[in-house]
Amino acid sequence: MIRKAFVMSVYPDKHKEYEKRHKEIWPEMVETLHQYGASNYSIFLDKESSKLFGYVEIEDEETWEKVAATEVNQKWWEYMRPVMETHSDNSPVTKTLTEVFHMD
């Protein structure tokens, strides 16, 4: 199991919409995440900075990287584009964080 953490940004006026969309996440998106090795996935919001902190556990990097190309993931990125910072391909602007401490 590999722990991954990352930071993204939601638009300041879209906090509620971002949360709403995740409360109503498509079952096929959740199923796809599981199929590509994701578990224990959480996203947290710092309302003052509009920064999102994501944490996910994955089985392996190679499998996880393939989820981006799935049809449902591409649709999800397009759906989320109006509420958060994205690249031209609709993927979220993401900064990967380096783990410096872990305790079970």
Protein backbone atom coordinates (compact mmCIF):
# COMPACT_ATOMS: atom_id res chain seq x y z
CA MET A 1 0.00 0.00 0.00
CA ILE A 2 1.25 3.46 -0.96
CA ARG A 3 0.03 6.62 0.77
CA LYS A 4 -0.40 9.65 -1.51
CA ALA A 5 -1.15 13.21 -0.45
CA PHE A 6 -1.73 16.23 -2.63
CA VAL A 7 -3.02 19.80 -2.66
CA MET A 8 -5.49 21.33 -5.11
CA SER A 9 -7.49 24.58 -5.19
CA VAL A 10 -11.23 25.16 -5.30
CA TYR A 11 -12.59 28.53 -6.37
CA PRO A 12 -13.47 30.63 -3.29
CA ASP A 13 -17.12 31.02 -4.31
CA LYS A 14 -17.51 27.29 -5.12
CA HIS A 15 -16.82 25.63 -1.76
CA LYS A 16 -20.41 24.49 -1.25
CA GLU A 17 -20.75 23.28 -4.83
CA TYR A 18 -17.48 21.32 -4.60
CA GLU A 19 -18.69 19.61 -1.43
CA LYS A 20 -22.14 18.95 -2.93
CA ARG A 21 -20.65 17.28 -6.01
CA HIS A 22 -18.54 15.00 -3.83
CA LYS A 23 -21.47 14.10 -1.58
CA GLU A 24 -23.25 13.05 -4.77
CA ILE A 25 -20.21 11.39 -6.39
CA TRP A 26 -21.24 9.04 -9.16
CA PRO A 27 -21.24 5.37 -8.10
CA GLU A 28 -19.37 4.49 -11.31
CA MET A 29 -16.62 6.97 -10.35
CA VAL A 30 -16.21 5.33 -6.94
CA GLU A 31 -16.21 1.88 -8.54
CA THR A 32 -13.52 2.97 -11.01
CA LEU A 33 -11.34 4.38 -8.24
CA HIS A 34 -11.58 1.05 -6.42
CA GLN A 35 -10.83 -0.87 -9.63
CA TYR A 36 -7.64 1.13 -10.07
CA GLY A 37 -6.44 0.40 -6.55
CA ALA A 38 -7.67 3.37 -4.51
CA SER A 39 -8.88 3.05 -0.95
CA ASN A 40 -9.14 5.23 2.15
CA TYR A 41 -9.62 8.35 0.01
CA SER A 42 -10.34 11.68 1.71
CA ILE A 43 -10.35 15.32 0.65
CA PHE A 44 -10.30 18.18 3.16
CA LEU A 45 -10.97 21.88 2.58
CA ASP A 46 -9.21 24.85 4.19
CA LYS A 47 -11.91 27.49 3.70
CA GLU A 48 -9.56 30.40 4.39
CA SER A 49 -7.16 29.53 1.56
CA SER A 50 -9.56 27.52 -0.67
CA LYS A 51 -6.95 24.77 -0.67
CA LEU A 52 -7.96 21.14 -0.82
CA PHE A 53 -5.84 18.47 0.84
CA GLY A 54 -6.29 15.01 -0.62
CA TYR A 55 -5.16 11.69 0.80
CA VAL A 56 -5.52 8.30 -0.86
CA GLU A 57 -4.01 4.87 -0.41
CA ILE A 58 -3.20 3.00 -3.61
CA GLU A 59 -1.98 -0.46 -4.50
CA ASP A 60 0.67 0.67 -6.98
CA GLU A 61 1.59 3.77 -8.98
CA GLU A 62 1.35 2.20 -12.45
CA THR A 63 -2.25 1.08 -11.94
CA TRP A 64 -3.24 4.34 -10.24
CA GLU A 65 -1.89 6.45 -13.12
CA LYS A 66 -4.15 4.59 -15.58
CA VAL A 67 -7.34 5.80 -13.88
CA ALA A 68 -6.83 9.24 -15.46
CA ALA A 69 -7.52 7.86 -18.94
CA THR A 70 -10.79 6.17 -18.07
CA GLU A 71 -13.95 7.53 -19.63
CA VAL A 72 -15.67 8.12 -16.29
CA ASN A 73 -12.65 9.96 -14.88
CA GLN A 74 -12.48 12.19 -17.96
CA LYS A 75 -16.18 13.02 -17.50
CA TRP A 76 -15.62 13.69 -13.78
CA TRP A 77 -12.80 16.12 -14.53
CA GLU A 78 -15.00 17.95 -17.02
CA TYR A 79 -17.82 18.08 -14.43
CA MET A 80 -15.47 19.50 -11.78
CA ARG A 81 -13.76 22.06 -14.06
CA PRO A 82 -16.18 24.91 -13.21
CA VAL A 83 -15.48 24.68 -9.48
CA MET A 84 -11.71 24.25 -9.26
CA GLU A 85 -8.39 25.11 -10.87
CA THR A 86 -7.70 22.78 -13.80
CA HIS A 87 -5.29 22.29 -16.67
CA SER A 88 -6.38 22.57 -20.31
CA ASP A 89 -7.21 18.82 -20.32
CA ASN A 90 -9.58 19.41 -17.35
CA SER A 91 -7.29 17.57 -14.92
CA PRO A 92 -7.06 19.30 -11.55
CA VAL A 93 -4.01 21.43 -10.88
CA THR A 94 -2.38 19.22 -8.27
CA LYS A 95 0.75 19.53 -6.17
CA THR A 96 2.01 16.23 -4.81
CA LEU A 97 3.20 16.29 -1.21
CA THR A 98 6.12 14.30 0.15
CA GLU A 99 5.52 12.19 3.23
CA VAL A 100 7.86 13.20 6.05
CA PHE A 101 6.20 11.36 8.94
CA HIS A 102 3.76 8.48 9.42
CA MET A 103 2.46 6.70 12.51
CA ASP A 104 0.04 3.78 12.63
